[in-house]
Amino acid sequence: MVKDAKEITVRDIMTKSVIAVDVSVTINEAAKMMEDAKVGSVIVMENNTPIGIVTDRDFAVKVAAHAYQISTHVKQIMSSPLIAISPDETVWMISDLMYTRGVRKLPVIENEQVIGIVTATDLVNQLAVSTEEDIQKMFHESVIKVYKQYSPYN
């Protein structure tokens, strides 16, 4: 039985394979790990606690813009504080969070451990199999959110 789009959770669409690196890892080492694993991000850890994320976009923008040496530690270019989600959040909630925060990748954390990651691509793939009714619901929720934000009656 196909779930209603409002019932689909992060756990249903997340990628369970995640690469985590220590803050002491260099930009070059992290880039090689990402290339070898064919992933677009690594989670940065300090004392076994996730504190940031480095994405392929960070390499393209931050490293190039600031001309960092490849021996620079990932902590210098990571996005922090880490915006993360619970595996039980709905796809509706994470798509809204990604939009409002301007992020494309969200680590999934349960019991203070990274158990997966959800990307904008995961959401697009989910949208591709959504029904017309699901898309209409999403549109209406977006309109309501915008209305509430600009309404003089709130």
C-alpha atoms as a PDB file:
ATOM      1  CA  MET A   1       0.000   0.000   0.000  1.00  0.00           C
ATOM      2  CA  VAL A   2       1.325   3.437  -0.964  1.00  0.00           C
ATOM      3  CA  LYS A   3       1.607   5.915   1.894  1.00  0.00           C
ATOM      4  CA  ASP A   4      -0.123   9.279   1.795  1.00  0.00           C
ATOM      5  CA  ALA A   5       2.545  11.912   1.107  1.00  0.00           C
ATOM      6  CA  LYS A   6       1.901  13.480   4.527  1.00  0.00           C
ATOM      7  CA  GLU A   7       2.872  10.186   6.171  1.00  0.00           C
ATOM      8  CA  ILE A   8       6.178   9.648   4.350  1.00  0.00           C
ATOM      9  CA  THR A   9       9.019  10.232   6.769  1.00  0.00           C
ATOM     10  CA  VAL A  10      12.705  10.989   6.534  1.00  0.00           C
ATOM     11  CA  ARG A  11      13.429   7.363   7.439  1.00  0.00           C
ATOM     12  CA  ASP A  12      11.561   6.296   4.278  1.00  0.00           C
ATOM     13  CA  ILE A  13      13.697   8.329   1.867  1.00  0.00           C
ATOM     14  CA  MET A  14      17.049   8.951   3.599  1.00  0.00           C
ATOM     15  CA  THR A  15      20.362   7.536   2.444  1.00  0.00           C
ATOM     16  CA  LYS A  16      21.833   5.464   5.233  1.00  0.00           C
ATOM     17  CA  SER A  17      25.395   5.601   3.958  1.00  0.00           C
ATOM     18  CA  VAL A  18      27.092   8.690   5.413  1.00  0.00           C
ATOM     19  CA  ILE A  19      30.747   9.641   5.619  1.00  0.00           C
ATOM     20  CA  ALA A  20      31.868  11.346   8.807  1.00  0.00           C
ATOM     21  CA  VAL A  21      35.284  12.919   9.335  1.00  0.00           C
ATOM     22  CA  ASP A  22      37.096  14.402  12.304  1.00  0.00           C
ATOM     23  CA  VAL A  23      37.702  18.179  12.421  1.00  0.00           C
ATOM     24  CA  SER A  24      41.414  17.480  11.987  1.00  0.00           C
ATOM     25  CA  VAL A  25      40.950  16.055   8.464  1.00  0.00           C
ATOM     26  CA  THR A  26      42.240  18.294   5.675  1.00  0.00           C
ATOM     27  CA  ILE A  27      40.229  19.664   2.778  1.00  0.00           C
ATOM     28  CA  ASN A  28      42.211  17.428   0.432  1.00  0.00           C
ATOM     29  CA  GLU A  29      41.553  14.267   2.468  1.00  0.00           C
ATOM     30  CA  ALA A  30      37.829  15.027   2.708  1.00  0.00           C
ATOM     31  CA  ALA A  31      37.596  15.700  -1.037  1.00  0.00           C
ATOM     32  CA  LYS A  32      39.289  12.376  -1.806  1.00  0.00           C
ATOM     33  CA  MET A  33      36.879  10.537   0.528  1.00  0.00           C
ATOM     34  CA  MET A  34      33.902  12.178  -1.155  1.00  0.00           C
ATOM     35  CA  GLU A  35      35.238  11.298  -4.608  1.00  0.00           C
ATOM     36  CA  ASP A  36      35.943   7.682  -3.654  1.00  0.00           C
ATOM     37  CA  ALA A  37      32.486   7.239  -2.102  1.00  0.00           C
ATOM     38  CA  LYS A  38      30.762   9.253  -4.860  1.00  0.00           C
ATOM     39  CA  VAL A  39      28.944  11.443  -2.335  1.00  0.00           C
ATOM     40  CA  GLY A  40      28.367  15.189  -2.170  1.00  0.00           C
ATOM     41  CA  SER A  41      29.053  15.788   1.518  1.00  0.00           C
ATOM     42  CA  VAL A  42      30.796  14.695   4.697  1.00  0.00           C
ATOM     43  CA  ILE A  43      29.678  15.231   8.261  1.00  0.00           C
ATOM     44  CA  VAL A  44      32.316  16.887  10.456  1.00  0.00           C
ATOM     45  CA  MET A  45      32.684  15.385  13.922  1.00  0.00           C
ATOM     46  CA  GLU A  46      34.365  16.631  17.070  1.00  0.00           C
ATOM     47  CA  ASN A  47      34.619  14.261  20.056  1.00  0.00           C
ATOM     48  CA  ASN A  48      32.145  11.920  18.302  1.00  0.00           C
ATOM     49  CA  THR A  49      29.582  14.712  18.052  1.00  0.00           C
ATOM     50  CA  PRO A  50      28.387  16.022  14.665  1.00  0.00           C
ATOM     51  CA  ILE A  51      29.199  19.748  14.522  1.00  0.00           C
ATOM     52  CA  GLY A  52      29.098  20.636  10.833  1.00  0.00           C
ATOM     53  CA  ILE A  53      28.872  19.544   7.216  1.00  0.00           C
ATOM     54  CA  VAL A  54      31.129  20.078   4.221  1.00  0.00           C
ATOM     55  CA  THR A  55      29.445  19.834   0.844  1.00  0.00           C
ATOM     56  CA  ASP A  56      30.687  19.837  -2.709  1.00  0.00           C
ATOM     57  CA  ARG A  57      29.349  23.390  -2.887  1.00  0.00           C
ATOM     58  CA  ASP A  58      31.662  24.387  -0.004  1.00  0.00           C
ATOM     59  CA  PHE A  59      34.604  23.194  -2.081  1.00  0.00           C
ATOM     60  CA  ALA A  60      33.411  25.042  -5.160  1.00  0.00           C
ATOM     61  CA  VAL A  61      32.616  28.316  -3.405  1.00  0.00           C
ATOM     62  CA  LYS A  62      34.496  28.658  -0.119  1.00  0.00           C
ATOM     63  CA  VAL A  63      37.784  27.038  -1.085  1.00  0.00           C
ATOM     64  CA  ALA A  64      37.986  28.880  -4.396  1.00  0.00           C
ATOM     65  CA  ALA A  65      36.789  32.238  -3.026  1.00  0.00           C
ATOM     66  CA  HIS A  66      39.269  32.244  -0.151  1.00  0.00           C
ATOM     67  CA  ALA A  67      42.089  30.356  -1.919  1.00  0.00           C
ATOM     68  CA  TYR A  68      42.445  27.913   0.974  1.00  0.00           C
ATOM     69  CA  GLN A  69      45.382  25.522   0.829  1.00  0.00           C
ATOM     70  CA  ILE A  70      44.447  21.848   0.467  1.00  0.00           C
ATOM     71  CA  SER A  71      46.135  21.247   3.822  1.00  0.00           C
ATOM     72  CA  THR A  72      43.545  23.445   5.577  1.00  0.00           C
ATOM     73  CA  HIS A  73      41.336  21.592   8.065  1.00  0.00           C
ATOM     74  CA  VAL A  74      37.699  20.989   7.101  1.00  0.00           C
ATOM     75  CA  LYS A  75      36.577  22.943  10.159  1.00  0.00           C
ATOM     76  CA  GLN A  76      37.602  26.095   8.276  1.00  0.00           C
ATOM     77  CA  ILE A  77      35.086  25.528   5.450  1.00  0.00           C
ATOM     78  CA  MET A  78      32.298  23.529   7.128  1.00  0.00           C
ATOM     79  CA  SER A  79      28.789  24.874   7.492  1.00  0.00           C
ATOM     80  CA  SER A  80      27.990  25.217  11.172  1.00  0.00           C
ATOM     81  CA  PRO A  81      25.950  25.030  13.315  1.00  0.00           C
ATOM     82  CA  LEU A  82      24.716  21.805  11.846  1.00  0.00           C
ATOM     83  CA  ILE A  83      21.079  21.840  10.763  1.00  0.00           C
ATOM     84  CA  ALA A  84      19.820  18.299  11.255  1.00  0.00           C
ATOM     85  CA  ILE A  85      16.542  16.417  11.458  1.00  0.00           C
ATOM     86  CA  SER A  86      14.958  13.446  13.153  1.00  0.00           C
ATOM     87  CA  PRO A  87      14.192  10.305  11.121  1.00  0.00           C
ATOM     88  CA  ASP A  88      10.522  10.609  12.072  1.00  0.00           C
ATOM     89  CA  GLU A  89       9.980  14.051  10.519  1.00  0.00           C
ATOM     90  CA  THR A  90       7.711  14.187   7.487  1.00  0.00           C
ATOM     91  CA  VAL A  91       8.822  14.909   3.963  1.00  0.00           C
ATOM     92  CA  TRP A  92       6.586  18.004   4.116  1.00  0.00           C
ATOM     93  CA  MET A  93       8.525  19.349   7.081  1.00  0.00           C
ATOM     94  CA  ILE A  94      11.978  18.713   5.662  1.00  0.00           C
ATOM     95  CA  SER A  95      11.163  20.250   2.304  1.00  0.00           C
ATOM     96  CA  ASP A  96       9.986  23.374   4.124  1.00  0.00           C
ATOM     97  CA  LEU A  97      13.098  23.372   6.338  1.00  0.00           C
ATOM     98  CA  MET A  98      15.398  23.018   3.338  1.00  0.00           C
ATOM     99  CA  TYR A  99      13.629  25.865   1.581  1.00  0.00           C
ATOM    100  CA  THR A 100      13.553  28.275   4.520  1.00  0.00           C
ATOM    101  CA  ARG A 101      17.151  27.561   5.575  1.00  0.00           C
ATOM    102  CA  GLY A 102      18.533  27.394   2.024  1.00  0.00           C
ATOM    103  CA  VAL A 103      20.176  23.984   2.456  1.00  0.00           C
ATOM    104  CA  ARG A 104      20.320  21.022   0.098  1.00  0.00           C
ATOM    105  CA  LYS A 105      21.489  18.317   2.486  1.00  0.00           C
ATOM    106  CA  LEU A 106      20.218  17.475   5.968  1.00  0.00           C
ATOM    107  CA  PRO A 107      21.908  14.946   8.236  1.00  0.00           C
ATOM    108  CA  VAL A 108      19.505  12.638  10.049  1.00  0.00           C
ATOM    109  CA  ILE A 109      20.273  12.303  13.749  1.00  0.00           C
ATOM    110  CA  GLU A 110      18.783   9.845  16.216  1.00  0.00           C
ATOM    111  CA  ASN A 111      20.029   9.475  19.790  1.00  0.00           C
ATOM    112  CA  GLU A 112      22.851  11.930  19.035  1.00  0.00           C
ATOM    113  CA  GLN A 113      24.161   9.661  16.245  1.00  0.00           C
ATOM    114  CA  VAL A 114      24.148  10.405  12.504  1.00  0.00           C
ATOM    115  CA  ILE A 115      22.113   7.605  10.917  1.00  0.00           C
ATOM    116  CA  GLY A 116      21.588   9.015   7.424  1.00  0.00           C
ATOM    117  CA  ILE A 117      21.237  12.036   5.196  1.00  0.00           C
ATOM    118  CA  VAL A 118      18.413  13.487   3.114  1.00  0.00           C
ATOM    119  CA  THR A 119      19.214  15.560   0.064  1.00  0.00           C
ATOM    120  CA  ALA A 120      17.230  17.791  -2.250  1.00  0.00           C
ATOM    121  CA  THR A 121      17.625  15.022  -4.829  1.00  0.00           C
ATOM    122  CA  ASP A 122      15.871  12.598  -2.476  1.00  0.00           C
ATOM    123  CA  LEU A 123      12.961  15.038  -2.264  1.00  0.00           C
ATOM    124  CA  VAL A 124      12.816  15.481  -6.041  1.00  0.00           C
ATOM    125  CA  ASN A 125      12.789  11.702  -6.469  1.00  0.00           C
ATOM    126  CA  GLN A 126       9.911  11.477  -3.988  1.00  0.00           C
ATOM    127  CA  LEU A 127       8.060  14.264  -5.776  1.00  0.00           C
ATOM    128  CA  ALA A 128       8.463  12.411  -9.073  1.00  0.00           C
ATOM    129  CA  VAL A 129       6.370   9.547  -7.720  1.00  0.00           C
ATOM    130  CA  SER A 130       3.831  11.731  -5.914  1.00  0.00           C
ATOM    131  CA  THR A 131       0.253  11.899  -7.069  1.00  0.00           C
ATOM    132  CA  GLU A 132      -1.434  14.997  -8.436  1.00  0.00           C
ATOM    133  CA  GLU A 133      -3.400  15.210  -5.184  1.00  0.00           C
ATOM    134  CA  ASP A 134      -0.155  15.217  -3.161  1.00  0.00           C
ATOM    135  CA  ILE A 135       1.242  18.041  -5.279  1.00  0.00           C
ATOM    136  CA  GLN A 136      -1.969  20.054  -4.870  1.00  0.00           C
ATOM    137  CA  LYS A 137      -1.751  19.626  -1.088  1.00  0.00           C
ATOM    138  CA  MET A 138       1.849  20.809  -1.150  1.00  0.00           C
ATOM    139  CA  PHE A 139       0.883  23.864  -3.221  1.00  0.00           C
ATOM    140  CA  HIS A 140      -1.985  24.753  -0.879  1.00  0.00           C
ATOM    141  CA  GLU A 141       0.219  24.414   2.209  1.00  0.00           C
ATOM    142  CA  SER A 142       2.795  26.706   0.592  1.00  0.00           C
ATOM    143  CA  VAL A 143       0.152  29.315  -0.256  1.00  0.00           C
ATOM    144  CA  ILE A 144      -1.196  29.192   3.305  1.00  0.00           C
ATOM    145  CA  LYS A 145       2.309  29.642   4.703  1.00  0.00           C
ATOM    146  CA  VAL A 146       2.973  32.689   2.508  1.00  0.00           C
ATOM    147  CA  TYR A 147      -0.441  34.150   3.346  1.00  0.00           C
ATOM    148  CA  LYS A 148       0.164  33.740   7.093  1.00  0.00           C
ATOM    149  CA  GLN A 149       3.591  35.348   6.774  1.00  0.00           C
ATOM    150  CA  TYR A 150       2.256  38.502   5.105  1.00  0.00           C
ATOM    151  CA  SER A 151      -1.248  38.679   6.523  1.00  0.00           C
ATOM    152  CA  PRO A 152      -1.974  41.769   8.634  1.00  0.00           C
ATOM    153  CA  TYR A 153      -4.416  39.653  10.700  1.00  0.00           C
ATOM    154  CA  ASN A 154      -1.792  37.433  12.354  1.00  0.00           C
END
